[in-house]
Amino acid sequence: MVRDPPRLSEGGTGEAAPLTPSQARLLLSDEGRAAVDLAGSLDLPPIPAAEAMRAYGEAGRLALEQVALRRRALAKHPDGDRLWWTAEALEQSTPRTVALHHAQRFADAPRVLDLGCSVGGDLLVFGDRGIGVDLDLARCLLARANTGAPVACADVTTLNPRGWVFADPARRTAGRRGFDPASWSPSLAQVLAWDVDALGVKVAPGIDHDVLPAELEVEVVSLDGDVKEAMLWRGATRRGHRMTATLLPSGAQLVGAGAVAAVADVGGFLLEPDGAVIRAHLVAEVAAAVDGWLVDATIAYVSADRMVPTPFGRWYEVLDVLPFSLKRLRERLRGVGTVTIKKRGTAVEPEQLRRQLKLSGSEEATIVLTRVAGRHVAMVVRPL
């Protein structure tokens, strides 16, 4: 295994050089594949590894980069070390568990058009029903090698697709992520104008739900507690709910039911909802499910008098609730040397507060900085 980071482009600090179509063809040639096999067998520091691959010329350098990318890819894909990548495609790629979740919505599809397929992360799970389209020729070449599916190199903005469609609009311009759906390629308005039987659109988790058409289902997906994406579903892929929060890998789902949560003071337990639940605006549904309430009308913390098991958040036992004061908090944490600081609805910077507390001792503690009925408080809690 090569202990070697991906090459950085000469033109930008920290940006991986884009793979050209000619480089992709070289990688996929017999010479390139042999170079990748050799690079993968090395266990050398960067400079000796580069010397060992010098005889392969350009193919050797590309092979070292590819092996480094494949090593990183294993964090997202169980077969990541056998697939072909570009640095940007890997950064943006869908984790395998999430891609399989997408595929479930297309279980009844005779064919699936994967528009903006990149190197084929989602296309791979559609099997022999998938057809990919991407504008980047290098990625098209790698997608064909990764999936064996037909992949067309075309501008999605010029297409008028039919049938079952999975779309992943490009949301980056000059390396920067675009948050305005009108700036995506194709724009969200163009995607939603397609007259198709079934549609799934991958979008940013922070998209404004209120501006989306009512016929869409908005699903927010988290993986191992981290929010990964939002999906818009329409037609045959919609499951009948406006809002859905999905937690992977368990597959637990919470759907919007129009719940309205009460607001009251802190009880004996505090629930921190999963990020997907918060982004899907379903905190009130969680509160109803655990016989709880909000501690503040604008804050996504749920409190309750007893702990009701739920997959949609993490429980804490509330040990103390203090008006936020550096002096009082320092006194309360006497004997504590290590503190975990959680915050929501406050401008306090955890690292700055940690320095100001000047903690010393052998005990550990968790504190939650938030608002309760508009008042800034510090809760001392115990994770359950």
Protein backbone atom coordinates (compact mmCIF):
# COMPACT_ATOMS: atom_id res chain seq x y z
CA MET A 1 0.00 0.00 0.00
CA VAL A 2 1.34 3.43 -0.92
CA ARG A 3 1.49 5.98 1.85
CA ASP A 4 0.92 8.80 -0.57
CA PRO A 5 -1.65 11.64 -0.75
CA PRO A 6 -3.28 12.59 -4.03
CA ARG A 7 -1.31 15.01 -6.20
CA LEU A 8 -2.16 18.68 -5.79
CA SER A 9 -2.67 20.83 -8.85
CA GLU A 10 -0.09 23.48 -9.59
CA GLY A 11 -2.81 26.07 -10.10
CA GLY A 12 -4.68 25.86 -6.80
CA THR A 13 -3.78 25.33 -3.18
CA GLY A 14 -5.20 22.09 -1.84
CA GLU A 15 -7.16 21.26 -5.00
CA ALA A 16 -6.61 17.92 -6.69
CA ALA A 17 -5.76 18.23 -10.37
CA PRO A 18 -8.71 17.24 -12.59
CA LEU A 19 -8.32 14.04 -14.58
CA THR A 20 -8.34 14.57 -18.34
CA PRO A 21 -9.96 12.15 -20.81
CA SER A 22 -6.54 11.15 -22.17
CA GLN A 23 -5.34 10.39 -18.63
CA ALA A 24 -8.48 8.34 -17.96
CA ARG A 25 -7.84 6.31 -21.14
CA LEU A 26 -4.23 5.78 -20.07
CA LEU A 27 -5.31 4.56 -16.63
CA LEU A 28 -7.78 2.11 -18.16
CA SER A 29 -5.28 0.75 -20.68
CA ASP A 30 -3.33 -2.46 -20.07
CA GLU A 31 -0.29 -0.36 -19.19
CA GLY A 32 -2.26 1.76 -16.73
CA ARG A 33 -3.91 -1.21 -15.06
CA ALA A 34 -0.53 -2.90 -14.63
CA ALA A 35 0.86 0.29 -13.09
CA VAL A 36 -2.06 0.50 -10.65
CA ASP A 37 -1.55 -3.13 -9.65
CA LEU A 38 2.13 -2.49 -8.98
CA ALA A 39 1.51 0.75 -7.10
CA GLY A 40 -1.04 -1.03 -4.94
CA SER A 41 1.51 -3.65 -3.94
CA LEU A 42 4.07 -1.12 -2.69
CA ASP A 43 4.53 -0.23 0.96
CA LEU A 44 6.87 2.71 0.60
CA PRO A 45 7.01 6.37 1.60
CA PRO A 46 6.07 8.85 -1.18
CA ILE A 47 9.52 9.52 -2.63
CA PRO A 48 10.68 5.86 -2.88
CA ALA A 49 7.24 4.95 -4.25
CA ALA A 50 7.57 7.58 -6.97
CA GLU A 51 11.04 6.25 -7.83
CA ALA A 52 9.70 2.71 -8.06
CA MET A 53 7.01 3.84 -10.52
CA ARG A 54 9.26 6.09 -12.61
CA ALA A 55 9.62 3.50 -15.37
CA TYR A 56 5.89 3.79 -16.08
CA GLY A 57 6.13 7.52 -16.74
CA GLU A 58 2.78 9.33 -16.71
CA ALA A 59 0.96 6.05 -16.04
CA GLY A 60 3.08 5.53 -12.91
CA ARG A 61 2.23 8.93 -11.49
CA LEU A 62 -1.47 8.47 -12.22
CA ALA A 63 -1.34 4.99 -10.70
CA LEU A 64 0.04 6.33 -7.42
CA GLU A 65 -2.77 8.88 -7.27
CA GLN A 66 -5.37 6.23 -8.08
CA VAL A 67 -4.13 3.91 -5.33
CA ALA A 68 -4.28 6.77 -2.80
CA LEU A 69 -7.84 7.58 -3.89
CA ARG A 70 -8.88 3.94 -3.65
CA ARG A 71 -7.53 3.74 -0.12
CA ARG A 72 -9.65 6.76 0.87
CA ALA A 73 -12.66 5.38 -0.99
CA LEU A 74 -12.94 2.39 1.34
CA ALA A 75 -14.45 4.71 3.94
CA LYS A 76 -17.46 5.16 1.64
CA HIS A 77 -17.54 2.03 -0.49
CA PRO A 78 -16.74 -1.57 0.46
CA ASP A 79 -15.45 -2.04 -3.10
CA GLY A 80 -13.76 1.36 -3.21
CA ASP A 81 -10.32 -0.18 -3.70
CA ARG A 82 -11.46 -1.79 -6.97
CA LEU A 83 -13.23 1.20 -8.51
CA TRP A 84 -11.82 4.08 -10.57
CA TRP A 85 -11.93 7.60 -9.14
CA THR A 86 -11.12 11.22 -9.61
CA ALA A 87 -10.42 13.25 -6.47
CA GLU A 88 -13.47 15.48 -6.88
CA ALA A 89 -15.73 12.56 -7.78
CA LEU A 90 -14.68 10.73 -4.62
CA GLU A 91 -15.31 13.78 -2.45
CA GLN A 92 -18.83 14.13 -3.90
CA SER A 93 -19.61 10.43 -4.17
CA THR A 94 -22.61 8.84 -2.50
CA PRO A 95 -21.71 6.33 0.25
CA ARG A 96 -22.65 2.81 -0.78
CA THR A 97 -25.25 2.46 2.00
CA VAL A 98 -27.00 5.64 0.83
CA ALA A 99 -26.86 4.56 -2.83
CA LEU A 100 -28.54 1.26 -1.95
CA HIS A 101 -31.24 3.24 -0.16
CA HIS A 102 -31.81 5.27 -3.35
CA ALA A 103 -32.13 2.06 -5.36
CA GLN A 104 -35.03 0.87 -3.21
CA ARG A 105 -37.17 3.70 -4.58
CA PHE A 106 -36.47 2.45 -8.11
CA ALA A 107 -37.19 -1.22 -7.41
CA ASP A 108 -40.11 -1.24 -9.91
CA ALA A 109 -38.33 0.72 -12.63
CA PRO A 110 -37.81 -1.05 -15.97
CA ARG A 111 -34.96 1.40 -16.68
CA VAL A 112 -33.31 4.14 -14.65
CA LEU A 113 -31.71 7.20 -16.23
CA ASP A 114 -28.90 8.37 -13.92
CA LEU A 115 -28.34 11.98 -15.00
CA GLY A 116 -25.10 13.39 -13.65
CA CYS A 117 -23.78 9.91 -12.89
CA SER A 118 -20.15 10.96 -12.31
CA VAL A 119 -17.99 7.80 -11.94
CA GLY A 120 -21.04 5.61 -11.30
CA GLY A 121 -21.57 5.33 -7.54
CA ASP A 122 -25.36 5.25 -7.86
CA LEU A 123 -25.36 3.77 -11.35
CA LEU A 124 -23.57 0.73 -9.93
CA VAL A 125 -26.50 -0.21 -7.69
CA PHE A 126 -29.07 0.13 -10.49
CA GLY A 127 -27.47 -2.90 -12.13
CA ASP A 128 -28.38 -3.75 -15.72
CA ARG A 129 -31.36 -1.35 -15.58
CA GLY A 130 -29.16 1.75 -15.35
CA ILE A 131 -28.13 4.17 -18.08
CA GLY A 132 -25.72 6.95 -17.13
CA VAL A 133 -25.20 10.44 -18.52
CA ASP A 134 -22.50 12.91 -17.54
CA LEU A 135 -20.85 15.90 -19.18
CA ASP A 136 -17.31 15.09 -18.02
CA LEU A 137 -15.79 12.64 -20.52
CA ALA A 138 -13.13 11.39 -18.08
CA ARG A 139 -15.81 10.50 -15.55
CA CYS A 140 -17.90 8.83 -18.28
CA LEU A 141 -14.95 6.59 -19.15
CA LEU A 142 -14.42 5.65 -15.50
CA ALA A 143 -18.17 5.09 -14.97
CA ARG A 144 -18.26 2.63 -17.86
CA ALA A 145 -15.30 0.76 -16.39
CA ASN A 146 -16.83 0.77 -12.89
CA THR A 147 -20.32 -0.36 -13.83
CA GLY A 148 -20.32 -1.97 -17.27
CA ALA A 149 -23.47 0.09 -17.94
CA PRO A 150 -24.05 2.26 -21.01
CA VAL A 151 -22.88 5.80 -20.25
CA ALA A 152 -23.39 8.74 -22.60
CA CYS A 153 -21.27 11.88 -22.46
CA ALA A 154 -23.82 14.65 -22.91
CA ASP A 155 -25.05 17.94 -21.45
CA VAL A 156 -28.00 17.05 -19.23
CA THR A 157 -29.37 20.60 -19.59
CA THR A 158 -30.13 19.88 -23.27
CA LEU A 159 -32.07 16.66 -22.59
CA ASN A 160 -35.80 16.01 -22.27
CA PRO A 161 -35.81 12.71 -20.37
CA ARG A 162 -38.67 10.26 -19.97
CA GLY A 163 -39.44 7.30 -17.70
CA TRP A 164 -37.74 6.86 -14.33
CA VAL A 165 -35.04 9.44 -13.62
CA PHE A 166 -32.42 9.86 -10.88
CA ALA A 167 -30.73 13.27 -11.09
CA ASP A 168 -27.75 14.72 -9.27
CA PRO A 169 -27.35 18.32 -10.49
CA ALA A 170 -23.85 19.81 -10.39
CA ARG A 171 -23.79 22.18 -7.46
CA ARG A 172 -20.22 23.44 -7.76
CA THR A 173 -18.85 26.29 -9.86
CA ALA A 174 -15.09 26.90 -9.97
CA GLY A 175 -14.72 24.51 -7.03
CA ARG A 176 -17.24 26.34 -4.83
CA ARG A 177 -20.52 24.83 -3.69
CA GLY A 178 -23.59 26.71 -4.91
CA PHE A 179 -26.55 26.98 -2.54
CA ASP A 180 -28.92 28.69 -4.97
CA PRO A 181 -30.87 25.99 -6.88
CA ALA A 182 -31.07 28.35 -9.85
CA SER A 183 -27.25 28.15 -10.18
CA TRP A 184 -27.12 24.34 -10.37
CA SER A 185 -26.60 22.53 -13.64
CA PRO A 186 -29.25 21.66 -14.55
CA SER A 187 -31.14 24.10 -12.36
CA LEU A 188 -33.67 22.65 -9.97
CA ALA A 189 -36.46 24.40 -11.88
CA GLN A 190 -35.39 22.66 -15.08
CA VAL A 191 -35.26 19.25 -13.38
CA LEU A 192 -38.71 19.69 -11.85
CA ALA A 193 -40.09 20.70 -15.26
CA TRP A 194 -39.23 17.28 -16.74
CA ASP A 195 -42.35 15.24 -17.59
CA VAL A 196 -41.27 11.86 -16.20
CA ASP A 197 -42.98 8.88 -14.57
CA ALA A 198 -40.76 8.92 -11.49
CA LEU A 199 -38.12 11.34 -10.26
CA GLY A 200 -35.46 11.39 -7.57
CA VAL A 201 -33.29 14.51 -7.20
CA LYS A 202 -30.29 14.76 -4.91
CA VAL A 203 -30.11 18.22 -3.30
CA ALA A 204 -28.37 20.00 -0.45
CA PRO A 205 -29.77 19.15 3.03
CA GLY A 206 -30.31 22.84 3.80
CA ILE A 207 -32.66 23.47 0.89
CA ASP A 208 -35.64 25.68 1.74
CA HIS A 209 -38.58 23.28 1.95
CA ASP A 210 -41.15 26.07 1.83
CA VAL A 211 -40.32 27.02 -1.77
CA LEU A 212 -40.64 23.47 -3.10
CA PRO A 213 -43.77 22.31 -4.97
CA ALA A 214 -46.34 20.54 -2.80
CA GLU A 215 -46.27 17.36 -4.92
CA LEU A 216 -42.71 16.58 -3.80
CA GLU A 217 -41.66 14.38 -0.91
CA VAL A 218 -38.58 15.77 0.83
CA GLU A 219 -36.43 13.09 2.44
CA VAL A 220 -33.43 14.00 4.61
CA VAL A 221 -30.92 11.17 5.04
CA SER A 222 -28.31 10.71 7.76
CA LEU A 223 -25.68 7.99 7.93
CA ASP A 224 -24.23 7.03 11.33
CA GLY A 225 -25.59 10.28 12.73
CA ASP A 226 -24.19 12.58 10.03
CA VAL A 227 -26.61 14.27 7.62
CA LYS A 228 -25.58 13.31 4.08
CA GLU A 229 -28.20 14.70 1.73
CA ALA A 230 -31.77 15.58 0.98
CA MET A 231 -33.72 13.82 -1.77
CA LEU A 232 -36.75 15.08 -3.63
CA TRP A 233 -39.14 12.36 -4.79
CA ARG A 234 -42.03 12.70 -7.23
CA GLY A 235 -44.31 10.36 -9.11
CA ALA A 236 -43.80 6.61 -8.65
CA THR A 237 -40.84 7.11 -6.28
CA ARG A 238 -42.84 9.16 -3.76
CA ARG A 239 -44.05 7.28 -0.68
CA GLY A 240 -47.01 9.51 0.16
CA HIS A 241 -45.47 11.84 2.77
CA ARG A 242 -44.35 15.44 2.43
CA MET A 243 -41.44 15.15 4.89
CA THR A 244 -39.36 12.10 5.76
CA ALA A 245 -36.27 11.65 7.92
CA THR A 246 -34.31 8.45 7.25
CA LEU A 247 -31.55 7.14 9.49
CA LEU A 248 -29.05 4.77 7.94
CA PRO A 249 -27.84 2.08 8.23
CA SER A 250 -30.83 1.09 10.41
CA GLY A 251 -33.38 2.35 7.88
CA ALA A 252 -35.53 3.89 10.63
CA GLN A 253 -37.90 6.47 9.15
CA LEU A 254 -39.94 9.27 10.65
CA VAL A 255 -42.63 10.97 8.57
CA GLY A 256 -44.43 14.26 8.96
CA ALA A 257 -47.76 13.99 10.77
CA GLY A 258 -48.46 17.65 11.45
CA ALA A 259 -47.51 17.39 15.11
CA VAL A 260 -47.31 20.53 17.25
CA ALA A 261 -45.04 20.32 20.28
CA ALA A 262 -45.73 21.96 23.61
CA VAL A 263 -43.07 24.20 25.18
CA ALA A 264 -42.17 23.83 28.86
CA ASP A 265 -39.31 23.91 31.32
CA VAL A 266 -36.58 21.27 31.38
CA GLY A 267 -37.57 17.89 32.77
CA GLY A 268 -35.42 15.06 34.04
CA PHE A 269 -34.21 14.02 30.56
CA LEU A 270 -33.08 15.76 27.39
CA LEU A 271 -33.24 14.34 23.85
CA GLU A 272 -30.95 15.59 21.09
CA PRO A 273 -32.69 14.67 17.80
CA ASP A 274 -30.75 13.21 14.89
CA GLY A 275 -29.67 15.81 12.35
CA ALA A 276 -31.97 14.33 9.69
CA VAL A 277 -34.95 14.82 11.99
CA ILE A 278 -33.99 18.46 12.55
CA ARG A 279 -33.38 19.19 8.85
CA ALA A 280 -36.68 17.52 7.97
CA HIS A 281 -38.50 19.77 10.50
CA LEU A 282 -39.83 16.75 12.38
CA VAL A 283 -38.72 17.59 15.92
CA ALA A 284 -42.36 17.94 17.01
CA GLU A 285 -43.04 14.41 15.75
CA VAL A 286 -40.17 13.08 17.88
CA ALA A 287 -41.44 14.99 20.89
CA ALA A 288 -44.88 13.42 20.46
CA ALA A 289 -43.36 9.94 20.11
CA VAL A 290 -41.48 10.20 23.42
CA ASP A 291 -44.18 12.06 25.40
CA GLY A 292 -41.92 15.09 25.47
CA TRP A 293 -41.92 18.81 24.78
CA LEU A 294 -39.62 21.55 23.52
CA VAL A 295 -37.57 23.55 26.00
CA ASP A 296 -37.79 26.55 23.67
CA ALA A 297 -40.06 27.12 20.68
CA THR A 298 -37.06 27.84 18.42
CA ILE A 299 -34.58 25.21 19.67
CA ALA A 300 -34.39 21.55 18.58
CA TYR A 301 -34.03 20.03 22.04
CA VAL A 302 -36.77 17.81 23.49
CA SER A 303 -37.26 17.23 27.20
CA ALA A 304 -39.27 14.60 29.04
CA ASP A 305 -39.90 13.20 32.50
CA ARG A 306 -38.91 9.69 31.45
CA MET A 307 -36.68 8.18 28.81
CA VAL A 308 -38.66 6.54 25.99
CA PRO A 309 -36.38 4.52 23.67
CA THR A 310 -36.17 6.01 20.17
CA PRO A 311 -33.78 5.65 17.24
CA PHE A 312 -34.31 9.31 16.31
CA GLY A 313 -32.11 10.95 18.89
CA ARG A 314 -29.78 10.58 21.87
CA TRP A 315 -30.92 10.82 25.45
CA TYR A 316 -29.20 12.61 28.31
CA GLU A 317 -30.07 12.65 31.99
CA VAL A 318 -30.30 16.23 33.22
CA LEU A 319 -28.21 16.66 36.36
CA ASP A 320 -28.39 20.43 36.74
CA VAL A 321 -29.71 23.53 34.96
CA LEU A 322 -27.91 26.82 35.59
CA PRO A 323 -28.47 30.34 34.25
CA PHE A 324 -25.48 30.82 31.95
CA SER A 325 -22.69 32.36 33.99
CA LEU A 326 -18.99 31.67 33.67
CA LYS A 327 -18.48 31.95 37.41
CA ARG A 328 -21.36 29.61 38.33
CA LEU A 329 -20.38 27.11 35.66
CA ARG A 330 -16.78 27.09 36.85
CA GLU A 331 -17.94 26.39 40.39
CA ARG A 332 -20.28 23.61 39.24
CA LEU A 333 -17.49 21.92 37.28
CA ARG A 334 -14.93 21.96 40.09
CA GLY A 335 -12.96 18.70 39.91
CA VAL A 336 -13.73 18.24 36.20
CA GLY A 337 -10.76 18.13 33.85
CA THR A 338 -12.42 17.07 30.60
CA VAL A 339 -15.68 18.60 29.36
CA THR A 340 -17.78 17.92 26.27
CA ILE A 341 -19.61 21.07 25.22
CA LYS A 342 -22.75 20.89 23.10
CA LYS A 343 -24.55 24.02 21.94
CA ARG A 344 -27.66 25.10 20.10
CA GLY A 345 -29.15 28.58 19.87
CA THR A 346 -26.22 30.39 21.48
CA ALA A 347 -23.26 32.35 20.16
CA VAL A 348 -20.86 30.99 22.79
CA GLU A 349 -17.77 29.39 21.20
CA PRO A 350 -17.02 26.04 22.90
CA GLU A 351 -13.24 26.29 22.57
CA GLN A 352 -13.16 29.79 23.98
CA LEU A 353 -15.40 28.74 26.87
CA ARG A 354 -13.24 25.71 27.55
CA ARG A 355 -10.21 27.99 27.95
CA GLN A 356 -12.12 30.40 30.18
CA LEU A 357 -13.30 27.61 32.48
CA LYS A 358 -9.66 26.71 33.31
CA LEU A 359 -10.67 23.20 34.26
CA SER A 360 -8.46 20.87 36.25
CA GLY A 361 -9.26 17.52 37.76
CA SER A 362 -9.81 13.89 36.88
CA GLU A 363 -13.58 13.85 36.28
CA GLU A 364 -15.45 14.23 32.96
CA ALA A 365 -18.65 16.14 32.27
CA THR A 366 -21.00 17.06 29.44
CA ILE A 367 -22.69 20.44 29.30
CA VAL A 368 -25.37 21.73 26.95
CA LEU A 369 -25.49 25.45 26.17
CA THR A 370 -28.87 26.52 24.87
CA ARG A 371 -31.97 28.61 25.54
CA VAL A 372 -34.93 27.66 27.69
CA ALA A 373 -37.98 29.88 27.18
CA GLY A 374 -35.63 32.51 25.74
CA ARG A 375 -33.17 32.37 28.68
CA HIS A 376 -29.56 31.29 28.11
CA VAL A 377 -28.77 28.30 30.29
CA ALA A 378 -26.05 25.70 30.83
CA MET A 379 -27.27 22.17 31.52
CA VAL A 380 -25.02 19.60 33.09
CA VAL A 381 -26.08 16.25 31.62
CA ARG A 382 -25.06 12.62 31.55
CA PRO A 383 -25.18 10.75 28.21
CA LEU A 384 -27.33 7.63 28.30
